[in-house]
PDB file of all heavy atoms in Angstrom:
ATOM      1  N   GLY A   1     211.808  47.633 -32.853  1.00  0.00           N
ATOM      2  CA  GLY A   1     210.575  47.449 -33.617  1.00  0.00           C
ATOM      3  C   GLY A   1     209.421  48.294 -33.142  1.00  0.00           C
ATOM      4  O   GLY A   1     208.258  47.998 -33.438  1.00  0.00           O
ATOM      5  N   LEU A   2     209.700  49.388 -32.459  1.00  0.00           N
ATOM      6  CA  LEU A   2     208.648  50.246 -31.910  1.00  0.00           C
ATOM      7  C   LEU A   2     208.196  51.324 -32.893  1.00  0.00           C
ATOM      8  O   LEU A   2     207.125  51.914 -32.709  1.00  0.00           O
ATOM      9  CB  LEU A   2     209.140  50.914 -30.614  1.00  0.00           C
ATOM     10  CG  LEU A   2     209.475  49.971 -29.458  1.00  0.00           C
ATOM     11  CD1 LEU A   2     210.030  50.757 -28.287  1.00  0.00           C
ATOM     12  CD2 LEU A   2     208.237  49.193 -29.030  1.00  0.00           C
ATOM     13  N   ASP A   3     209.027  51.612 -33.893  1.00  0.00           N
ATOM     14  CA  ASP A   3     208.718  52.661 -34.874  1.00  0.00           C
ATOM     15  C   ASP A   3     208.340  53.973 -34.183  1.00  0.00           C
ATOM     16  O   ASP A   3     207.388  54.654 -34.565  1.00  0.00           O
ATOM     17  CB  ASP A   3     207.565  52.224 -35.796  1.00  0.00           C
ATOM     18  CG  ASP A   3     207.935  51.005 -36.646  1.00  0.00           C
ATOM     19  OD1 ASP A   3     209.137  50.740 -36.805  1.00  0.00           O
ATOM     20  OD2 ASP A   3     207.014  50.327 -37.145  1.00  0.00           O
ATOM     21  N   CYS A   4     209.115  54.340 -33.172  1.00  0.00           N
ATOM     22  CA  CYS A   4     208.792  55.526 -32.375  1.00  0.00           C
ATOM     23  C   CYS A   4     209.191  56.828 -33.052  1.00  0.00           C
ATOM     24  O   CYS A   4     208.664  57.888 -32.710  1.00  0.00           O
ATOM     25  CB  CYS A   4     209.458  55.428 -31.006  1.00  0.00           C
ATOM     26  SG  CYS A   4     211.273  55.469 -31.063  1.00  0.00           S
ATOM     27  N   GLY A   5     210.146  56.775 -33.970  1.00  0.00           N
ATOM     28  CA  GLY A   5     210.565  57.972 -34.699  1.00  0.00           C
ATOM     29  C   GLY A   5     211.576  58.830 -33.976  1.00  0.00           C
ATOM     30  O   GLY A   5     212.000  59.863 -34.502  1.00  0.00           O
ATOM     31  N   SER A   6     211.975  58.453 -32.754  1.00  0.00           N
ATOM     32  CA  SER A   6     212.908  59.293 -31.996  1.00  0.00           C
ATOM     33  C   SER A   6     214.301  59.335 -32.620  1.00  0.00           C
ATOM     34  O   SER A   6     215.079  60.249 -32.330  1.00  0.00           O
ATOM     35  CB  SER A   6     213.007  58.791 -30.546  1.00  0.00           C
ATOM     36  OG  SER A   6     213.460  57.442 -30.521  1.00  0.00           O
ATOM     37  N   CYS A   7     214.602  58.380 -33.507  1.00  0.00           N
ATOM     38  CA  CYS A   7     215.908  58.335 -34.176  1.00  0.00           C
ATOM     39  C   CYS A   7     215.980  59.302 -35.356  1.00  0.00           C
ATOM     40  O   CYS A   7     217.045  59.518 -35.929  1.00  0.00           O
ATOM     41  CB  CYS A   7     216.210  56.920 -34.660  1.00  0.00           C
ATOM     42  SG  CYS A   7     215.011  56.331 -35.888  1.00  0.00           S
ATOM     43  N   GLY A   8     214.824  59.865 -35.739  1.00  0.00           N
ATOM     44  CA  GLY A   8     214.789  60.742 -36.902  1.00  0.00           C
ATOM     45  C   GLY A   8     214.380  60.027 -38.172  1.00  0.00           C
ATOM     46  O   GLY A   8     214.338  60.625 -39.244  1.00  0.00           O
ATOM     47  N   ALA A   9     214.045  58.732 -38.068  1.00  0.00           N
ATOM     48  CA  ALA A   9     213.515  57.958 -39.193  1.00  0.00           C
ATOM     49  C   ALA A   9     212.099  57.518 -38.830  1.00  0.00           C
ATOM     50  O   ALA A   9     211.793  57.317 -37.653  1.00  0.00           O
ATOM     51  CB  ALA A   9     214.394  56.748 -39.485  1.00  0.00           C
ATOM     52  N   PRO A  10     211.226  57.342 -39.818  1.00  0.00           N
ATOM     53  CA  PRO A  10     209.821  57.048 -39.519  1.00  0.00           C
ATOM     54  C   PRO A  10     209.560  55.650 -38.977  1.00  0.00           C
ATOM     55  O   PRO A  10     208.501  55.396 -38.409  1.00  0.00           O
ATOM     56  CB  PRO A  10     209.120  57.257 -40.861  1.00  0.00           C
ATOM     57  CG  PRO A  10     210.186  57.031 -41.882  1.00  0.00           C
ATOM     58  CD  PRO A  10     211.444  57.532 -41.256  1.00  0.00           C
ATOM     59  N   SER A  11     210.489  54.724 -39.177  1.00  0.00           N
ATOM     60  CA  SER A  11     210.296  53.354 -38.714  1.00  0.00           C
ATOM     61  C   SER A  11     211.645  52.703 -38.475  1.00  0.00           C
ATOM     62  O   SER A  11     212.690  53.198 -38.934  1.00  0.00           O
ATOM     63  CB  SER A  11     209.513  52.531 -39.751  1.00  0.00           C
ATOM     64  OG  SER A  11     210.279  52.386 -40.946  1.00  0.00           O
ATOM     65  N   CYS A  12     211.630  51.589 -37.760  1.00  0.00           N
ATOM     66  CA  CYS A  12     212.881  50.864 -37.509  1.00  0.00           C
ATOM     67  C   CYS A  12     213.467  50.346 -38.819  1.00  0.00           C
ATOM     68  O   CYS A  12     214.692  50.332 -39.004  1.00  0.00           O
ATOM     69  CB  CYS A  12     212.627  49.703 -36.545  1.00  0.00           C
ATOM     70  SG  CYS A  12     212.293  50.244 -34.845  1.00  0.00           S
ATOM     71  N   ARG A  13     212.609  49.916 -39.726  1.00  0.00           N
ATOM     72  CA  ARG A  13     213.109  49.443 -41.010  1.00  0.00           C
ATOM     73  C   ARG A  13     213.798  50.571 -41.783  1.00  0.00           C
ATOM     74  O   ARG A  13     214.826  50.380 -42.412  1.00  0.00           O
ATOM     75  CB  ARG A  13     211.982  48.848 -41.851  1.00  0.00           C
ATOM     76  CG  ARG A  13     212.492  48.330 -43.187  1.00  0.00           C
ATOM     77  CD  ARG A  13     211.452  47.637 -44.031  1.00  0.00           C
ATOM     78  NE  ARG A  13     212.066  47.167 -45.262  1.00  0.00           N
ATOM     79  CZ  ARG A  13     212.748  46.053 -45.399  1.00  0.00           C
ATOM     80  NH1 ARG A  13     212.913  45.245 -44.352  1.00  0.00           N
ATOM     81  NH2 ARG A  13     213.285  45.700 -46.552  1.00  0.00           N
ATOM     82  N   ALA A  14     213.201  51.767 -41.724  1.00  0.00           N
ATOM     83  CA  ALA A  14     213.806  52.911 -42.406  1.00  0.00           C
ATOM     84  C   ALA A  14     215.168  53.241 -41.803  1.00  0.00           C
ATOM     85  O   ALA A  14     216.119  53.568 -42.529  1.00  0.00           O
ATOM     86  CB  ALA A  14     212.882  54.119 -42.319  1.00  0.00           C
ATOM     87  N   LEU A  15     215.280  53.146 -40.479  1.00  0.00           N
ATOM     88  CA  LEU A  15     216.570  53.386 -39.837  1.00  0.00           C
ATOM     89  C   LEU A  15     217.587  52.328 -40.263  1.00  0.00           C
ATOM     90  O   LEU A  15     218.744  52.652 -40.568  1.00  0.00           O
ATOM     91  CB  LEU A  15     216.423  53.389 -38.311  1.00  0.00           C
ATOM     92  CG  LEU A  15     217.737  53.526 -37.527  1.00  0.00           C
ATOM     93  CD1 LEU A  15     218.433  54.842 -37.867  1.00  0.00           C
ATOM     94  CD2 LEU A  15     217.490  53.420 -36.026  1.00  0.00           C
ATOM     95  N   ALA A  16     217.157  51.065 -40.295  1.00  0.00           N
ATOM     96  CA  ALA A  16     218.057  49.994 -40.720  1.00  0.00           C
ATOM     97  C   ALA A  16     218.564  50.232 -42.141  1.00  0.00           C
ATOM     98  O   ALA A  16     219.746  50.030 -42.448  1.00  0.00           O
ATOM     99  CB  ALA A  16     217.343  48.649 -40.626  1.00  0.00           C
ATOM    100  N   GLU A  17     217.674  50.680 -42.980  1.00  0.00           N
ATOM    101  CA  GLU A  17     218.033  51.009 -44.363  1.00  0.00           C
ATOM    102  C   GLU A  17     219.047  52.145 -44.400  1.00  0.00           C
ATOM    103  O   GLU A  17     220.046  52.099 -45.135  1.00  0.00           O
ATOM    104  CB  GLU A  17     216.765  51.416 -45.113  1.00  0.00           C
ATOM    105  CG  GLU A  17     216.884  51.431 -46.613  1.00  0.00           C
ATOM    106  CD  GLU A  17     215.557  51.822 -47.259  1.00  0.00           C
ATOM    107  OE1 GLU A  17     214.534  51.197 -46.938  1.00  0.00           O
ATOM    108  OE2 GLU A  17     215.571  52.765 -48.069  1.00  0.00           O
ATOM    109  N   ASP A  18     218.817  53.179 -43.583  1.00  0.00           N
ATOM    110  CA  ASP A  18     219.739  54.311 -43.516  1.00  0.00           C
ATOM    111  C   ASP A  18     221.112  53.883 -43.025  1.00  0.00           C
ATOM    112  O   ASP A  18     222.141  54.379 -43.502  1.00  0.00           O
ATOM    113  CB  ASP A  18     219.173  55.399 -42.597  1.00  0.00           C
ATOM    114  CG  ASP A  18     217.948  56.087 -43.177  1.00  0.00           C
ATOM    115  OD1 ASP A  18     217.671  55.888 -44.382  1.00  0.00           O
ATOM    116  OD2 ASP A  18     217.267  56.818 -42.429  1.00  0.00           O
ATOM    117  N   ILE A  19     221.135  52.977 -42.055  1.00  0.00           N
ATOM    118  CA  ILE A  19     222.409  52.492 -41.517  1.00  0.00           C
ATOM    119  C   ILE A  19     223.203  51.763 -42.592  1.00  0.00           C
ATOM    120  O   ILE A  19     224.402  51.994 -42.782  1.00  0.00           O
ATOM    121  CB  ILE A  19     222.170  51.570 -40.296  1.00  0.00           C
ATOM    122  CG1 ILE A  19     221.576  52.370 -39.129  1.00  0.00           C
ATOM    123  CG2 ILE A  19     223.468  50.886 -39.872  1.00  0.00           C
ATOM    124  CD1 ILE A  19     221.056  51.508 -37.995  1.00  0.00           C
ATOM    125  N   VAL A  20     222.524  50.892 -43.322  1.00  0.00           N
ATOM    126  CA  VAL A  20     223.184  50.125 -44.381  1.00  0.00           C
ATOM    127  C   VAL A  20     223.708  51.060 -45.475  1.00  0.00           C
ATOM    128  O   VAL A  20     224.778  50.834 -46.050  1.00  0.00           O
ATOM    129  CB  VAL A  20     222.209  49.081 -44.984  1.00  0.00           C
ATOM    130  CG1 VAL A  20     222.787  48.455 -46.238  1.00  0.00           C
ATOM    131  CG2 VAL A  20     221.890  48.011 -43.955  1.00  0.00           C
ATOM    132  N   ARG A  21     222.978  52.119 -45.732  1.00  0.00           N
ATOM    133  CA  ARG A  21     223.401  53.073 -46.765  1.00  0.00           C
ATOM    134  C   ARG A  21     224.471  54.041 -46.273  1.00  0.00           C
ATOM    135  O   ARG A  21     225.022  54.812 -47.052  1.00  0.00           O
ATOM    136  CB  ARG A  21     222.191  53.872 -47.259  1.00  0.00           C
ATOM    137  CG  ARG A  21     221.205  53.056 -48.072  1.00  0.00           C
ATOM    138  CD  ARG A  21     220.089  53.936 -48.595  1.00  0.00           C
ATOM    139  NE  ARG A  21     219.265  53.213 -49.548  1.00  0.00           N
ATOM    140  CZ  ARG A  21     218.551  53.789 -50.503  1.00  0.00           C
ATOM    141  NH1 ARG A  21     218.583  55.100 -50.639  1.00  0.00           N
ATOM    142  NH2 ARG A  21     217.830  53.075 -51.326  1.00  0.00           N
ATOM    143  N   GLY A  22     224.730  54.012 -44.970  1.00  0.00           N
ATOM    144  CA  GLY A  22     225.773  54.866 -44.420  1.00  0.00           C
ATOM    145  C   GLY A  22     225.302  56.242 -44.005  1.00  0.00           C
ATOM    146  O   GLY A  22     226.109  57.141 -43.761  1.00  0.00           O
ATOM    147  N   TYR A  23     223.964  56.423 -43.888  1.00  0.00           N
ATOM    148  CA  TYR A  23     223.416  57.730 -43.527  1.00  0.00           C
ATOM    149  C   TYR A  23     223.102  57.843 -42.036  1.00  0.00           C
ATOM    150  O   TYR A  23     222.740  58.922 -41.556  1.00  0.00           O
ATOM    151  CB  TYR A  23     222.128  58.008 -44.311  1.00  0.00           C
ATOM    152  CG  TYR A  23     222.281  57.981 -45.806  1.00  0.00           C
ATOM    153  CD1 TYR A  23     221.275  57.479 -46.626  1.00  0.00           C
ATOM    154  CD2 TYR A  23     223.436  58.459 -46.421  1.00  0.00           C
ATOM    155  CE1 TYR A  23     221.411  57.451 -48.014  1.00  0.00           C
ATOM    156  CE2 TYR A  23     223.589  58.438 -47.795  1.00  0.00           C
ATOM    157  CZ  TYR A  23     222.576  57.934 -48.587  1.00  0.00           C
ATOM    158  OH  TYR A  23     222.721  57.907 -49.959  1.00  0.00           O
ATOM    159  N   ALA A  24     223.213  56.750 -41.311  1.00  0.00           N
ATOM    160  CA  ALA A  24     222.900  56.742 -39.883  1.00  0.00           C
ATOM    161  C   ALA A  24     223.710  55.632 -39.214  1.00  0.00           C
ATOM    162  O   ALA A  24     224.391  54.848 -39.886  1.00  0.00           O
ATOM    163  CB  ALA A  24     221.400  56.523 -39.677  1.00  0.00           C
ATOM    164  N   ASN A  25     223.632  55.569 -37.885  1.00  0.00           N
ATOM    165  CA  ASN A  25     224.291  54.458 -37.180  1.00  0.00           C
ATOM    166  C   ASN A  25     223.341  53.888 -36.145  1.00  0.00           C
ATOM    167  O   ASN A  25     222.326  54.514 -35.794  1.00  0.00           O
ATOM    168  CB  ASN A  25     225.623  54.898 -36.558  1.00  0.00           C
ATOM    169  CG  ASN A  25     225.439  55.873 -35.414  1.00  0.00           C
ATOM    170  OD1 ASN A  25     225.006  55.500 -34.326  1.00  0.00           O
ATOM    171  ND2 ASN A  25     225.776  57.140 -35.659  1.00  0.00           N
ATOM    172  N   ILE A  26     223.671  52.721 -35.645  1.00  0.00           N
ATOM    173  CA  ILE A  26     222.780  51.969 -34.773  1.00  0.00           C
ATOM    174  C   ILE A  26     222.435  52.732 -33.496  1.00  0.00           C
ATOM    175  O   ILE A  26     221.351  52.601 -32.930  1.00  0.00           O
ATOM    176  CB  ILE A  26     223.388  50.589 -34.422  1.00  0.00           C
ATOM    177  CG1 ILE A  26     222.332  49.661 -33.791  1.00  0.00           C
ATOM    178  CG2 ILE A  26     224.587  50.752 -33.503  1.00  0.00           C
ATOM    179  CD1 ILE A  26     221.360  49.097 -34.764  1.00  0.00           C
ATOM    180  N   TYR A  27     223.355  53.621 -33.059  1.00  0.00           N
ATOM    181  CA  TYR A  27     223.143  54.334 -31.802  1.00  0.00           C
ATOM    182  C   TYR A  27     222.300  55.597 -31.966  1.00  0.00           C
ATOM    183  O   TYR A  27     222.089  56.322 -31.000  1.00  0.00           O
ATOM    184  CB  TYR A  27     224.492  54.651 -31.147  1.00  0.00           C
ATOM    185  CG  TYR A  27     225.223  53.374 -30.781  1.00  0.00           C
ATOM    186  CD1 TYR A  27     226.420  53.037 -31.400  1.00  0.00           C
ATOM    187  CD2 TYR A  27     224.682  52.489 -29.839  1.00  0.00           C
ATOM    188  CE1 TYR A  27     227.064  51.856 -31.097  1.00  0.00           C
ATOM    189  CE2 TYR A  27     225.320  51.303 -29.528  1.00  0.00           C
ATOM    190  CZ  TYR A  27     226.517  50.986 -30.157  1.00  0.00           C
ATOM    191  OH  TYR A  27     227.153  49.819 -29.854  1.00  0.00           O
ATOM    192  N   ASP A  28     221.795  55.827 -33.191  1.00  0.00           N
ATOM    193  CA  ASP A  28     220.768  56.852 -33.351  1.00  0.00           C
ATOM    194  C   ASP A  28     219.485  56.422 -32.656  1.00  0.00           C
ATOM    195  O   ASP A  28     218.646  57.261 -32.305  1.00  0.00           O
ATOM    196  CB  ASP A  28     220.490  57.112 -34.837  1.00  0.00           C
ATOM    197  CG  ASP A  28     221.598  57.903 -35.506  1.00  0.00           C
ATOM    198  OD1 ASP A  28     222.248  58.696 -34.811  1.00  0.00           O
ATOM    199  OD2 ASP A  28     221.808  57.718 -36.718  1.00  0.00           O
ATOM    200  N   CYS A  29     219.344  55.109 -32.468  1.00  0.00           N
ATOM    201  CA  CYS A  29     218.197  54.572 -31.733  1.00  0.00           C
ATOM    202  C   CYS A  29     218.443  54.743 -30.243  1.00  0.00           C
ATOM    203  O   CYS A  29     219.435  54.238 -29.703  1.00  0.00           O
ATOM    204  CB  CYS A  29     217.989  53.095 -32.070  1.00  0.00           C
ATOM    205  SG  CYS A  29     216.715  52.293 -31.065  1.00  0.00           S
ATOM    206  N   MET A  30     217.575  55.460 -29.552  1.00  0.00           N
ATOM    207  CA  MET A  30     217.755  55.745 -28.133  1.00  0.00           C
ATOM    208  C   MET A  30     217.792  54.471 -27.294  1.00  0.00           C
ATOM    209  O   MET A  30     218.465  54.413 -26.265  1.00  0.00           O
ATOM    210  CB  MET A  30     216.643  56.675 -27.635  1.00  0.00           C
ATOM    211  CG  MET A  30     215.236  56.133 -27.759  1.00  0.00           C
ATOM    212  SD  MET A  30     213.966  57.333 -27.239  1.00  0.00           S
ATOM    213  CE  MET A  30     214.316  57.445 -25.490  1.00  0.00           C
ATOM    214  N   PHE A  31     217.101  53.431 -27.750  1.00  0.00           N
ATOM    215  CA  PHE A  31     217.080  52.185 -26.991  1.00  0.00           C
ATOM    216  C   PHE A  31     218.403  51.436 -27.117  1.00  0.00           C
ATOM    217  O   PHE A  31     218.853  50.786 -26.184  1.00  0.00           O
ATOM    218  CB  PHE A  31     215.915  51.309 -27.460  1.00  0.00           C
ATOM    219  CG  PHE A  31     214.576  51.924 -27.215  1.00  0.00           C
ATOM    220  CD1 PHE A  31     213.897  52.592 -28.219  1.00  0.00           C
ATOM    221  CD2 PHE A  31     213.995  51.861 -25.959  1.00  0.00           C
ATOM    222  CE1 PHE A  31     212.673  53.173 -27.994  1.00  0.00           C
ATOM    223  CE2 PHE A  31     212.757  52.452 -25.719  1.00  0.00           C
ATOM    224  CZ  PHE A  31     212.098  53.107 -26.742  1.00  0.00           C
ATOM    225  N   MET A  32     219.032  51.559 -28.269  1.00  0.00           N
ATOM    226  CA  MET A  32     220.349  50.933 -28.446  1.00  0.00           C
ATOM    227  C   MET A  32     221.386  51.679 -27.621  1.00  0.00           C
ATOM    228  O   MET A  32     222.328  51.089 -27.092  1.00  0.00           O
ATOM    229  CB  MET A  32     220.743  50.943 -29.916  1.00  0.00           C
ATOM    230  CG  MET A  32     219.819  50.149 -30.810  1.00  0.00           C
ATOM    231  SD  MET A  32     219.566  48.434 -30.250  1.00  0.00           S
ATOM    232  CE  MET A  32     221.225  47.772 -30.416  1.00  0.00           C
ATOM    233  N   ASN A  33     221.216  52.988 -27.458  1.00  0.00           N
ATOM    234  CA  ASN A  33     222.085  53.759 -26.595  1.00  0.00           C
ATOM    235  C   ASN A  33     221.975  53.296 -25.156  1.00  0.00           C
ATOM    236  O   ASN A  33     222.957  53.150 -24.449  1.00  0.00           O
ATOM    237  CB  ASN A  33     221.742  55.253 -26.680  1.00  0.00           C
ATOM    238  CG  ASN A  33     222.555  55.972 -27.735  1.00  0.00           C
ATOM    239  OD1 ASN A  33     223.754  55.764 -27.834  1.00  0.00           O
ATOM    240  ND2 ASN A  33     221.902  56.814 -28.540  1.00  0.00           N
ATOM    241  N   ASP A  34     220.714  53.034 -24.725  1.00  0.00           N
ATOM    242  CA  ASP A  34     220.497  52.548 -23.350  1.00  0.00           C
ATOM    243  C   ASP A  34     221.158  51.206 -23.162  1.00  0.00           C
ATOM    244  O   ASP A  34     221.816  50.958 -22.126  1.00  0.00           O
ATOM    245  CB  ASP A  34     219.003  52.429 -23.074  1.00  0.00           C
ATOM    246  CG  ASP A  34     218.325  53.786 -22.944  1.00  0.00           C
ATOM    247  OD1 ASP A  34     219.046  54.787 -22.753  1.00  0.00           O
ATOM    248  OD2 ASP A  34     217.085  53.854 -23.040  1.00  0.00           O
ATOM    249  N   ASN A  35     221.034  50.311 -24.170  1.00  0.00           N
ATOM    250  CA  ASN A  35     221.643  48.997 -24.061  1.00  0.00           C
ATOM    251  C   ASN A  35     223.164  49.098 -23.975  1.00  0.00           C
ATOM    252  O   ASN A  35     223.826  48.386 -23.235  1.00  0.00           O
ATOM    253  CB  ASN A  35     221.258  48.138 -25.277  1.00  0.00           C
ATOM    254  CG  ASN A  35     219.782  47.750 -25.241  1.00  0.00           C
ATOM    255  OD1 ASN A  35     219.183  47.782 -24.170  1.00  0.00           O
ATOM    256  ND2 ASN A  35     219.222  47.441 -26.395  1.00  0.00           N
ATOM    257  N   ASN A  36     223.711  50.029 -24.765  1.00  0.00           N
ATOM    258  CA  ASN A  36     225.156  50.200 -24.786  1.00  0.00           C
ATOM    259  C   ASN A  36     225.650  50.692 -23.434  1.00  0.00           C
ATOM    260  O   ASN A  36     226.660  50.241 -22.905  1.00  0.00           O
ATOM    261  CB  ASN A  36     225.538  51.212 -25.883  1.00  0.00           C
ATOM    262  CG  ASN A  36     227.034  51.274 -26.120  1.00  0.00           C
ATOM    263  OD1 ASN A  36     227.712  50.251 -26.193  1.00  0.00           O
ATOM    264  ND2 ASN A  36     227.551  52.497 -26.221  1.00  0.00           N
ATOM    265  N   ASN A  37     224.905  51.645 -22.827  1.00  0.00           N
ATOM    266  CA  ASN A  37     225.282  52.165 -21.514  1.00  0.00           C
ATOM    267  C   ASN A  37     225.206  51.087 -20.426  1.00  0.00           C
ATOM    268  O   ASN A  37     226.040  51.013 -19.547  1.00  0.00           O
ATOM    269  CB  ASN A  37     224.384  53.351 -21.136  1.00  0.00           C
ATOM    270  CG  ASN A  37     224.634  54.559 -22.030  1.00  0.00           C
ATOM    271  OD1 ASN A  37     225.727  54.706 -22.569  1.00  0.00           O
ATOM    272  ND2 ASN A  37     223.629  55.419 -22.173  1.00  0.00           N
ATOM    273  N   ASP A  38     224.162  50.217 -20.553  1.00  0.00           N
ATOM    274  CA  ASP A  38     224.010  49.126 -19.569  1.00  0.00           C
ATOM    275  C   ASP A  38     225.194  48.179 -19.634  1.00  0.00           C
ATOM    276  O   ASP A  38     225.731  47.729 -18.624  1.00  0.00           O
ATOM    277  CB  ASP A  38     222.707  48.353 -19.836  1.00  0.00           C
ATOM    278  CG  ASP A  38     221.476  49.179 -19.468  1.00  0.00           C
ATOM    279  OD1 ASP A  38     221.647  50.187 -18.744  1.00  0.00           O
ATOM    280  OD2 ASP A  38     220.385  48.812 -19.920  1.00  0.00           O
ATOM    281  N   ASN A  39     225.609  47.874 -20.887  1.00  0.00           N
ATOM    282  CA  ASN A  39     226.727  46.952 -21.064  1.00  0.00           C
ATOM    283  C   ASN A  39     228.019  47.546 -20.510  1.00  0.00           C
ATOM    284  O   ASN A  39     228.838  46.861 -19.896  1.00  0.00           O
ATOM    285  CB  ASN A  39     226.906  46.623 -22.542  1.00  0.00           C
ATOM    286  CG  ASN A  39     225.773  45.767 -23.065  1.00  0.00           C
ATOM    287  OD1 ASN A  39     225.135  45.053 -22.299  1.00  0.00           O
ATOM    288  ND2 ASN A  39     225.505  45.828 -24.368  1.00  0.00           N
ATOM    289  N   GLU A  40     228.192  48.860 -20.718  1.00  0.00           N
ATOM    290  CA  GLU A  40     229.404  49.494 -20.208  1.00  0.00           C
ATOM    291  C   GLU A  40     229.401  49.522 -18.697  1.00  0.00           C
ATOM    292  O   GLU A  40     230.431  49.342 -18.043  1.00  0.00           O
ATOM    293  CB  GLU A  40     229.489  50.934 -20.752  1.00  0.00           C
ATOM    294  CG  GLU A  40     229.834  50.985 -22.249  1.00  0.00           C
ATOM    295  CD  GLU A  40     229.876  52.403 -22.780  1.00  0.00           C
ATOM    296  OE1 GLU A  40     229.565  53.330 -22.017  1.00  0.00           O
ATOM    297  OE2 GLU A  40     230.203  52.569 -23.973  1.00  0.00           O
ATOM    298  N   GLY A  41     228.204  49.735 -18.098  1.00  0.00           N
ATOM    299  CA  GLY A  41     228.120  49.763 -16.632  1.00  0.00           C
ATOM    300  C   GLY A  41     228.366  48.404 -16.032  1.00  0.00           C
ATOM    301  O   GLY A  41     228.873  48.286 -14.930  1.00  0.00           O
ATOM    302  N   GLY A  42     227.990  47.315 -16.762  1.00  0.00           N
ATOM    303  CA  GLY A  42     228.171  45.958 -16.256  1.00  0.00           C
ATOM    304  C   GLY A  42     229.572  45.517 -16.334  1.00  0.00           C
ATOM    305  O   GLY A  42     229.974  44.577 -15.660  1.00  0.00           O
TER     306      GLY A  42
END
């Protein structure tokens, strides 16, 4: 919910919309990538 734009979408909602439409995936969000790496390390 930071709307940082680092994923290439202007807001988190826009990214969520893109994911549902099949134009993006959840790991385009850098923070979700960090969470995924943490889980793998644990």
